């Protein structure tokens, strides 16, 4: 069930009250009516609609609410995420430090910093020469402290620097 259908199923006050009563422990239409103050026809109609939508089910012990419907609706509405790296371990590191195409913070653990730098160096073409201003512009798209990123890339030997001209190491 998607989120729109889920919200629509609970948009009617009688259905919302019925569902709430079941969540709070009501197991029969009579208990729901007593807990909500709804008439029996309103309760039966709400139970039928909520049953069709999968929000409640009837079993040997009475009515039960299925809270997993909410998790499933959220998962169904979530767009599929493209991994930043095919290796799941590296992807997890990158996801921890990159949000919406920006580096949120620099890792304190060098191994994680190296994974991030190896990803960022992909912004540069191998064999091409870059003036420092162009390197700064590229790195500014990732993080406001382009100087720190540039220094880290050079220190990690992912970029070389000669007379303020940078090259990506092949």
Protein backbone atom coordinates (compact mmCIF):
# COMPACT_ATOMS: atom_id res chain seq x y z
CA UNK A 1 0.00 0.00 0.00
CA UNK A 2 1.32 3.44 -0.79
CA UNK A 3 1.26 6.39 1.60
CA UNK A 4 -1.62 8.12 -0.19
CA UNK A 5 -3.89 5.10 0.15
CA UNK A 6 -2.82 4.63 3.74
CA UNK A 7 -3.62 8.24 4.63
CA UNK A 8 -6.88 7.99 2.72
CA UNK A 9 -7.86 4.93 4.72
CA UNK A 10 -7.41 6.87 7.94
CA UNK A 11 -8.74 10.23 6.69
CA UNK A 12 -12.31 9.49 7.76
CA UNK A 13 -12.70 10.23 11.51
CA UNK A 14 -14.71 7.05 12.17
CA UNK A 15 -11.99 4.89 10.57
CA UNK A 16 -9.25 6.70 12.45
CA UNK A 17 -11.05 6.26 15.74
CA UNK A 18 -11.73 2.60 14.96
CA UNK A 19 -8.10 1.94 14.07
CA UNK A 20 -6.94 3.78 17.21
CA UNK A 21 -9.23 1.67 19.38
CA UNK A 22 -7.84 -1.54 17.87
CA UNK A 23 -4.27 -0.33 18.36
CA UNK A 24 -5.12 0.39 22.00
CA UNK A 25 -6.49 -3.10 22.54
CA UNK A 26 -10.13 -3.29 21.41
CA UNK A 27 -10.63 -6.75 19.87
CA UNK A 28 -14.31 -6.71 18.86
CA UNK A 29 -16.73 -4.28 17.22
CA UNK A 30 -18.53 -3.99 20.55
CA UNK A 31 -15.31 -2.97 22.33
CA UNK A 32 -14.57 -0.47 19.55
CA UNK A 33 -18.03 1.06 19.85
CA UNK A 34 -17.63 1.32 23.62
CA UNK A 35 -14.20 2.91 23.36
CA UNK A 36 -15.00 5.36 20.55
CA UNK A 37 -18.66 6.23 21.07
CA UNK A 38 -19.37 5.31 17.45
CA UNK A 39 -22.56 3.51 16.49
CA UNK A 40 -22.34 -0.18 15.60
CA UNK A 41 -23.07 0.45 11.86
CA UNK A 42 -20.25 3.05 11.77
CA UNK A 43 -17.86 0.64 13.48
CA UNK A 44 -18.74 -2.26 11.17
CA UNK A 45 -18.30 -0.09 8.08
CA UNK A 46 -14.96 1.22 9.37
CA UNK A 47 -13.75 -2.30 10.26
CA UNK A 48 -14.66 -3.52 6.79
CA UNK A 49 -12.81 -0.67 5.06
CA UNK A 50 -9.77 -0.95 7.33
CA UNK A 51 -9.70 -4.71 6.73
CA UNK A 52 -9.70 -4.19 2.95
CA UNK A 53 -6.81 -1.75 3.24
CA UNK A 54 -4.80 -4.18 5.37
CA UNK A 55 -4.65 -1.96 8.44
CA UNK A 56 -6.53 -4.44 10.62
CA UNK A 57 -7.12 -8.15 10.42
CA UNK A 58 -9.37 -10.57 12.20
CA UNK A 59 -8.04 -13.68 13.87
CA UNK A 60 -8.98 -16.19 16.53
CA UNK A 61 -8.15 -13.66 19.25
CA UNK A 62 -10.16 -10.86 17.59
CA UNK A 63 -9.16 -7.79 15.65
CA UNK A 64 -5.50 -6.82 15.37
CA UNK A 65 -3.80 -3.74 13.95
CA UNK A 66 -0.97 -4.27 11.48
CA UNK A 67 1.55 -1.50 12.15
CA UNK A 68 3.91 -2.90 9.48
CA UNK A 69 1.67 -1.34 6.84
CA UNK A 70 3.18 2.04 7.74
CA UNK A 71 6.76 0.80 7.30
CA UNK A 72 5.88 -0.80 3.98
CA UNK A 73 4.22 2.41 2.74
CA UNK A 74 7.30 4.44 3.61
CA UNK A 75 9.61 1.94 1.91
CA UNK A 76 7.41 1.83 -1.19
CA UNK A 77 7.50 5.62 -1.49
CA UNK A 78 11.25 5.90 -1.00
CA UNK A 79 13.18 6.30 -4.24
CA UNK A 80 15.81 3.69 -4.99
CA UNK A 81 19.22 5.03 -3.97
CA UNK A 82 22.13 4.77 -6.35
CA UNK A 83 25.22 3.50 -4.52
CA UNK A 84 28.23 5.82 -4.56
CA UNK A 85 30.56 2.82 -4.75
CA UNK A 86 29.91 -0.78 -5.82
CA UNK A 87 31.66 -2.05 -2.67
CA UNK A 88 29.05 -1.91 0.14
CA UNK A 89 31.64 -1.13 2.84
CA UNK A 90 33.05 1.81 0.87
CA UNK A 91 29.54 2.93 -0.04
CA UNK A 92 28.62 3.05 3.67
CA UNK A 93 31.62 5.27 4.38
CA UNK A 94 30.76 7.59 1.50
CA UNK A 95 27.09 7.76 2.53
CA UNK A 96 28.18 8.79 6.03
CA UNK A 97 30.09 11.81 4.73
CA UNK A 98 28.29 12.81 1.50
CA UNK A 99 24.74 14.17 1.50
CA UNK A 100 23.01 15.65 -1.54
CA UNK A 101 26.26 15.76 -3.49
CA UNK A 102 28.20 17.59 -0.77
CA UNK A 103 30.77 16.47 1.78
CA UNK A 104 29.14 17.17 5.14
CA UNK A 105 32.31 16.72 7.20
CA UNK A 106 35.77 15.31 6.82
CA UNK A 107 36.37 11.93 8.48
CA UNK A 108 38.74 11.78 11.43
CA UNK A 109 39.79 8.20 10.69
CA UNK A 110 42.43 8.22 7.95
CA UNK A 111 41.15 5.03 6.26
CA UNK A 112 37.75 6.68 5.83
CA UNK A 113 39.37 9.92 4.66
CA UNK A 114 41.24 7.95 2.00
CA UNK A 115 38.01 6.34 0.75
CA UNK A 116 36.43 9.79 0.51
CA UNK A 117 39.46 11.25 -1.28
CA UNK A 118 39.58 8.35 -3.75
CA UNK A 119 35.95 9.11 -4.56
CA UNK A 120 36.50 12.87 -4.89
CA UNK A 121 39.54 12.51 -7.15
CA UNK A 122 37.13 11.03 -9.69
CA UNK A 123 36.04 14.64 -10.32
CA UNK A 124 39.32 15.15 -12.18
CA UNK A 125 40.40 13.64 -15.49
CA UNK A 126 43.56 11.58 -15.46
CA UNK A 127 46.39 13.13 -17.43
CA UNK A 128 44.81 16.58 -17.67
CA UNK A 129 46.51 19.61 -16.14
CA UNK A 130 44.49 21.84 -13.82
CA UNK A 131 45.42 25.30 -12.59
CA UNK A 132 44.92 25.78 -8.86
CA UNK A 133 41.87 28.01 -9.43
CA UNK A 134 40.13 25.23 -11.37
CA UNK A 135 40.98 22.65 -8.71
CA UNK A 136 39.53 25.00 -6.09
CA UNK A 137 36.34 25.46 -8.13
CA UNK A 138 35.84 21.70 -8.49
CA UNK A 139 36.51 21.05 -4.80
CA UNK A 140 34.21 23.91 -3.76
CA UNK A 141 31.33 21.97 -5.31
CA UNK A 142 32.05 19.28 -2.72
CA UNK A 143 33.00 21.23 0.40
CA UNK A 144 33.62 24.89 1.34
CA UNK A 145 37.16 24.13 2.60
CA UNK A 146 38.65 23.47 -0.83
CA UNK A 147 42.18 24.14 0.50
CA UNK A 148 41.93 21.30 3.02
CA UNK A 149 40.61 18.91 0.35
CA UNK A 150 43.31 19.97 -2.09
CA UNK A 151 46.03 19.47 0.53
CA UNK A 152 44.61 16.06 1.50
CA UNK A 153 44.48 14.94 -2.14
CA UNK A 154 48.11 15.96 -2.68
CA UNK A 155 49.26 14.40 0.62
CA UNK A 156 47.49 11.15 -0.32
CA UNK A 157 49.30 11.28 -3.69
CA UNK A 158 46.04 11.27 -5.60
CA UNK A 159 46.90 14.64 -7.16
CA UNK A 160 50.37 15.92 -7.95
CA UNK A 161 51.34 19.59 -7.80
CA UNK A 162 54.08 21.27 -9.79
CA UNK A 163 54.22 25.09 -10.01
CA UNK A 164 50.54 25.39 -9.03
CA UNK A 165 49.53 22.98 -11.78
CA UNK A 166 47.72 19.84 -10.59
CA UNK A 167 47.41 16.46 -12.24
CA UNK A 168 45.41 13.42 -11.23
CA UNK A 169 47.62 10.42 -10.61
CA UNK A 170 46.68 7.58 -12.95
